[in-house]
Amino acid sequence: MRPNPLAPWELRIGDLRVYYDVEEEPETVVYINAVGIKERDRVRIAGEIYDL
């Protein structure tokens, strides 16, 4: 699997994609980098299309 340019982690829920990062020290925090909709081999985030 290729590294994702948007974030190290990706959550997939149907066509929805959530790109996030986790920081564990000093306290566990999850940072949401982007939320998008999967359309074939592309993701639409805030009106822009990304080829992933």
PDB file of N, CA and C in Angstrom:
ATOM      1  N   MET A   1       0.841  -1.183   0.000  1.00  0.00           N
ATOM      2  CA  MET A   1       0.000   0.000   0.000  1.00  0.00           C
ATOM      3  C   MET A   1       0.887   1.247   0.000  1.00  0.00           C
ATOM      4  N   ARG A   2       0.529   2.208  -0.835  1.00  0.00           N
ATOM      5  CA  ARG A   2       1.275   3.454  -0.919  1.00  0.00           C
ATOM      6  C   ARG A   2       0.979   4.348   0.277  1.00  0.00           C
ATOM      7  N   PRO A   3       1.951   5.145   0.711  1.00  0.00           N
ATOM      8  CA  PRO A   3       1.688   6.099   1.789  1.00  0.00           C
ATOM      9  C   PRO A   3       0.670   7.148   1.332  1.00  0.00           C
ATOM     10  N   ASN A   4      -0.182   7.542   2.232  1.00  0.00           N
ATOM     11  CA  ASN A   4      -1.212   8.522   1.930  1.00  0.00           C
ATOM     12  C   ASN A   4      -0.636   9.931   2.106  1.00  0.00           C
ATOM     13  N   PRO A   5      -0.750  10.805   1.103  1.00  0.00           N
ATOM     14  CA  PRO A   5      -0.191  12.159   1.215  1.00  0.00           C
ATOM     15  C   PRO A   5      -0.974  13.075   2.156  1.00  0.00           C
ATOM     16  N   LEU A   6      -2.199  12.726   2.499  1.00  0.00           N
ATOM     17  CA  LEU A   6      -3.027  13.589   3.340  1.00  0.00           C
ATOM     18  C   LEU A   6      -2.821  13.360   4.829  1.00  0.00           C
ATOM     19  N   ALA A   7      -2.618  12.119   5.240  1.00  0.00           N
ATOM     20  CA  ALA A   7      -2.460  11.787   6.656  1.00  0.00           C
ATOM     21  C   ALA A   7      -1.986  10.348   6.793  1.00  0.00           C
ATOM     22  N   PRO A   8      -1.362  10.021   7.925  1.00  0.00           N
ATOM     23  CA  PRO A   8      -0.882   8.653   8.113  1.00  0.00           C
ATOM     24  C   PRO A   8      -2.006   7.627   8.320  1.00  0.00           C
ATOM     25  N   TRP A   9      -3.186   8.074   8.735  1.00  0.00           N
ATOM     26  CA  TRP A   9      -4.295   7.151   9.002  1.00  0.00           C
ATOM     27  C   TRP A   9      -5.526   7.537   8.192  1.00  0.00           C
ATOM     28  N   GLU A  10      -6.302   6.521   7.791  1.00  0.00           N
ATOM     29  CA  GLU A  10      -7.521   6.742   7.007  1.00  0.00           C
ATOM     30  C   GLU A  10      -8.625   5.850   7.551  1.00  0.00           C
ATOM     31  N   LEU A  11      -9.772   6.440   7.842  1.00  0.00           N
ATOM     32  CA  LEU A  11     -10.954   5.695   8.274  1.00  0.00           C
ATOM     33  C   LEU A  11     -11.920   5.659   7.105  1.00  0.00           C
ATOM     34  N   ARG A  12     -12.394   4.459   6.765  1.00  0.00           N
ATOM     35  CA  ARG A  12     -13.320   4.290   5.641  1.00  0.00           C
ATOM     36  C   ARG A  12     -14.687   3.860   6.161  1.00  0.00           C
ATOM     37  N   ILE A  13     -15.703   4.644   5.804  1.00  0.00           N
ATOM     38  CA  ILE A  13     -17.090   4.336   6.167  1.00  0.00           C
ATOM     39  C   ILE A  13     -17.908   4.503   4.898  1.00  0.00           C
ATOM     40  N   GLY A  14     -18.157   3.395   4.191  1.00  0.00           N
ATOM     41  CA  GLY A  14     -18.829   3.472   2.898  1.00  0.00           C
ATOM     42  C   GLY A  14     -17.992   4.312   1.948  1.00  0.00           C
ATOM     43  N   ASP A  15     -18.578   5.381   1.386  1.00  0.00           N
ATOM     44  CA  ASP A  15     -17.859   6.289   0.485  1.00  0.00           C
ATOM     45  C   ASP A  15     -17.170   7.433   1.233  1.00  0.00           C
ATOM     46  N   LEU A  16     -17.383   7.519   2.526  1.00  0.00           N
ATOM     47  CA  LEU A  16     -16.793   8.586   3.335  1.00  0.00           C
ATOM     48  C   LEU A  16     -15.370   8.211   3.727  1.00  0.00           C
ATOM     49  N   ARG A  17     -14.443   9.178   3.648  1.00  0.00           N
ATOM     50  CA  ARG A  17     -13.055   8.985   4.045  1.00  0.00           C
ATOM     51  C   ARG A  17     -12.674  10.063   5.047  1.00  0.00           C
ATOM     52  N   VAL A  18     -12.097   9.637   6.165  1.00  0.00           N
ATOM     53  CA  VAL A  18     -11.614  10.560   7.193  1.00  0.00           C
ATOM     54  C   VAL A  18     -10.109  10.339   7.322  1.00  0.00           C
ATOM     55  N   TYR A  19      -9.329  11.385   7.114  1.00  0.00           N
ATOM     56  CA  TYR A  19      -7.875  11.312   7.182  1.00  0.00           C
ATOM     57  C   TYR A  19      -7.440  11.971   8.480  1.00  0.00           C
ATOM     58  N   TYR A  20      -6.661  11.224   9.280  1.00  0.00           N
ATOM     59  CA  TYR A  20      -6.325  11.726  10.601  1.00  0.00           C
ATOM     60  C   TYR A  20      -4.933  11.301  11.035  1.00  0.00           C
ATOM     61  N   ASP A  21      -4.455  11.936  12.095  1.00  0.00           N
ATOM     62  CA  ASP A  21      -3.167  11.645  12.704  1.00  0.00           C
ATOM     63  C   ASP A  21      -3.404  11.475  14.201  1.00  0.00           C
ATOM     64  N   VAL A  22      -2.597  10.632  14.835  1.00  0.00           N
ATOM     65  CA  VAL A  22      -2.723  10.384  16.272  1.00  0.00           C
ATOM     66  C   VAL A  22      -1.425  10.776  16.950  1.00  0.00           C
ATOM     67  N   GLU A  23      -1.544  11.595  17.988  1.00  0.00           N
ATOM     68  CA  GLU A  23      -0.396  11.961  18.813  1.00  0.00           C
ATOM     69  C   GLU A  23      -0.607  11.301  20.174  1.00  0.00           C
ATOM     70  N   GLU A  24       0.337  10.518  20.616  1.00  0.00           N
ATOM     71  CA  GLU A  24       0.151   9.747  21.854  1.00  0.00           C
ATOM     72  C   GLU A  24       0.822  10.361  23.072  1.00  0.00           C
ATOM     73  N   GLU A  25       1.783  11.240  22.876  1.00  0.00           N
ATOM     74  CA  GLU A  25       2.488  11.836  24.008  1.00  0.00           C
ATOM     75  C   GLU A  25       2.348  13.346  23.971  1.00  0.00           C
ATOM     76  N   PRO A  26       2.185  14.022  25.034  1.00  0.00           N
ATOM     77  CA  PRO A  26       2.074  13.541  26.407  1.00  0.00           C
ATOM     78  C   PRO A  26       0.691  12.973  26.719  1.00  0.00           C
ATOM     79  N   GLU A  27      -0.306  13.305  25.893  1.00  0.00           N
ATOM     80  CA  GLU A  27      -1.663  12.804  26.068  1.00  0.00           C
ATOM     81  C   GLU A  27      -2.187  12.419  24.684  1.00  0.00           C
ATOM     82  N   THR A  28      -2.984  11.369  24.604  1.00  0.00           N
ATOM     83  CA  THR A  28      -3.493  10.919  23.308  1.00  0.00           C
ATOM     84  C   THR A  28      -4.475  11.940  22.729  1.00  0.00           C
ATOM     85  N   VAL A  29      -4.155  12.392  21.496  1.00  0.00           N
ATOM     86  CA  VAL A  29      -4.993  13.362  20.790  1.00  0.00           C
ATOM     87  C   VAL A  29      -5.104  12.900  19.340  1.00  0.00           C
ATOM     88  N   VAL A  30      -6.313  12.992  18.771  1.00  0.00           N
ATOM     89  CA  VAL A  30      -6.535  12.656  17.373  1.00  0.00           C
ATOM     90  C   VAL A  30      -6.812  13.956  16.617  1.00  0.00           C
ATOM     91  N   TYR A  31      -6.033  14.195  15.558  1.00  0.00           N
ATOM     92  CA  TYR A  31      -6.204  15.374  14.719  1.00  0.00           C
ATOM     93  C   TYR A  31      -6.846  14.952  13.402  1.00  0.00           C
ATOM     94  N   ILE A  32      -8.007  15.529  13.077  1.00  0.00           N
ATOM     95  CA  ILE A  32      -8.675  15.268  11.810  1.00  0.00           C
ATOM     96  C   ILE A  32      -8.078  16.219  10.774  1.00  0.00           C
ATOM     97  N   ASN A  33      -7.431  15.659   9.748  1.00  0.00           N
ATOM     98  CA  ASN A  33      -6.803  16.471   8.707  1.00  0.00           C
ATOM     99  C   ASN A  33      -7.763  16.794   7.571  1.00  0.00           C
ATOM    100  N   ALA A  34      -8.635  15.844   7.213  1.00  0.00           N
ATOM    101  CA  ALA A  34      -9.558  16.067   6.101  1.00  0.00           C
ATOM    102  C   ALA A  34     -10.668  15.023   6.143  1.00  0.00           C
ATOM    103  N   VAL A  35     -11.820  15.399   5.590  1.00  0.00           N
ATOM    104  CA  VAL A  35     -12.955  14.489   5.418  1.00  0.00           C
ATOM    105  C   VAL A  35     -13.404  14.634   3.977  1.00  0.00           C
ATOM    106  N   GLY A  36     -13.576  13.503   3.295  1.00  0.00           N
ATOM    107  CA  GLY A  36     -13.941  13.562   1.885  1.00  0.00           C
ATOM    108  C   GLY A  36     -14.858  12.439   1.465  1.00  0.00           C
ATOM    109  N   ILE A  37     -15.305  12.509   0.220  1.00  0.00           N
ATOM    110  CA  ILE A  37     -16.181  11.505  -0.379  1.00  0.00           C
ATOM    111  C   ILE A  37     -15.413  10.789  -1.484  1.00  0.00           C
ATOM    112  N   LYS A  38     -15.384   9.468  -1.424  1.00  0.00           N
ATOM    113  CA  LYS A  38     -14.701   8.647  -2.429  1.00  0.00           C
ATOM    114  C   LYS A  38     -15.569   8.558  -3.674  1.00  0.00           C
ATOM    115  N   GLU A  39     -14.969   8.865  -4.831  1.00  0.00           N
ATOM    116  CA  GLU A  39     -15.642   8.775  -6.128  1.00  0.00           C
ATOM    117  C   GLU A  39     -14.721   8.018  -7.074  1.00  0.00           C
ATOM    118  N   ARG A  40     -14.972   6.738  -7.248  1.00  0.00           N
ATOM    119  CA  ARG A  40     -14.111   5.849  -8.051  1.00  0.00           C
ATOM    120  C   ARG A  40     -12.708   5.827  -7.472  1.00  0.00           C
ATOM    121  N   ASP A  41     -11.698   6.290  -8.205  1.00  0.00           N
ATOM    122  CA  ASP A  41     -10.322   6.277  -7.702  1.00  0.00           C
ATOM    123  C   ASP A  41      -9.879   7.664  -7.229  1.00  0.00           C
ATOM    124  N   ARG A  42     -10.854   8.515  -6.889  1.00  0.00           N
ATOM    125  CA  ARG A  42     -10.577   9.877  -6.435  1.00  0.00           C
ATOM    126  C   ARG A  42     -11.345  10.163  -5.159  1.00  0.00           C
ATOM    127  N   VAL A  43     -10.884  11.192  -4.459  1.00  0.00           N
ATOM    128  CA  VAL A  43     -11.585  11.658  -3.255  1.00  0.00           C
ATOM    129  C   VAL A  43     -11.843  13.148  -3.416  1.00  0.00           C
ATOM    130  N   ARG A  44     -13.075  13.570  -3.124  1.00  0.00           N
ATOM    131  CA  ARG A  44     -13.439  14.985  -3.194  1.00  0.00           C
ATOM    132  C   ARG A  44     -13.436  15.541  -1.767  1.00  0.00           C
ATOM    133  N   ILE A  45     -12.569  16.550  -1.561  1.00  0.00           N
ATOM    134  CA  ILE A  45     -12.447  17.201  -0.255  1.00  0.00           C
ATOM    135  C   ILE A  45     -12.616  18.695  -0.464  1.00  0.00           C
ATOM    136  N   ALA A  46     -13.624  19.272   0.154  1.00  0.00           N
ATOM    137  CA  ALA A  46     -13.901  20.709   0.060  1.00  0.00           C
ATOM    138  C   ALA A  46     -13.955  21.180  -1.394  1.00  0.00           C
ATOM    139  N   GLY A  47     -14.574  20.377  -2.266  1.00  0.00           N
ATOM    140  CA  GLY A  47     -14.744  20.754  -3.665  1.00  0.00           C
ATOM    141  C   GLY A  47     -13.548  20.468  -4.547  1.00  0.00           C
ATOM    142  N   GLU A  48     -12.411  20.057  -3.967  1.00  0.00           N
ATOM    143  CA  GLU A  48     -11.226  19.731  -4.753  1.00  0.00           C
ATOM    144  C   GLU A  48     -11.114  18.212  -4.896  1.00  0.00           C
ATOM    145  N   ILE A  49     -10.619  17.770  -6.046  1.00  0.00           N
ATOM    146  CA  ILE A  49     -10.483  16.338  -6.309  1.00  0.00           C
ATOM    147  C   ILE A  49      -9.027  15.929  -6.140  1.00  0.00           C
ATOM    148  N   TYR A  50      -8.819  14.835  -5.394  1.00  0.00           N
ATOM    149  CA  TYR A  50      -7.486  14.277  -5.152  1.00  0.00           C
ATOM    150  C   TYR A  50      -7.429  12.874  -5.715  1.00  0.00           C
ATOM    151  N   ASP A  51      -6.395  12.589  -6.490  1.00  0.00           N
ATOM    152  CA  ASP A  51      -6.145  11.239  -6.973  1.00  0.00           C
ATOM    153  C   ASP A  51      -5.300  10.513  -5.940  1.00  0.00           C
ATOM    154  N   LEU A  52      -5.843   9.448  -5.383  1.00  0.00           N
ATOM    155  CA  LEU A  52      -5.096   8.714  -4.355  1.00  0.00           C
ATOM    156  C   LEU A  52      -4.785   7.315  -4.814  1.00  0.00           C
TER     157      LEU A  52
END
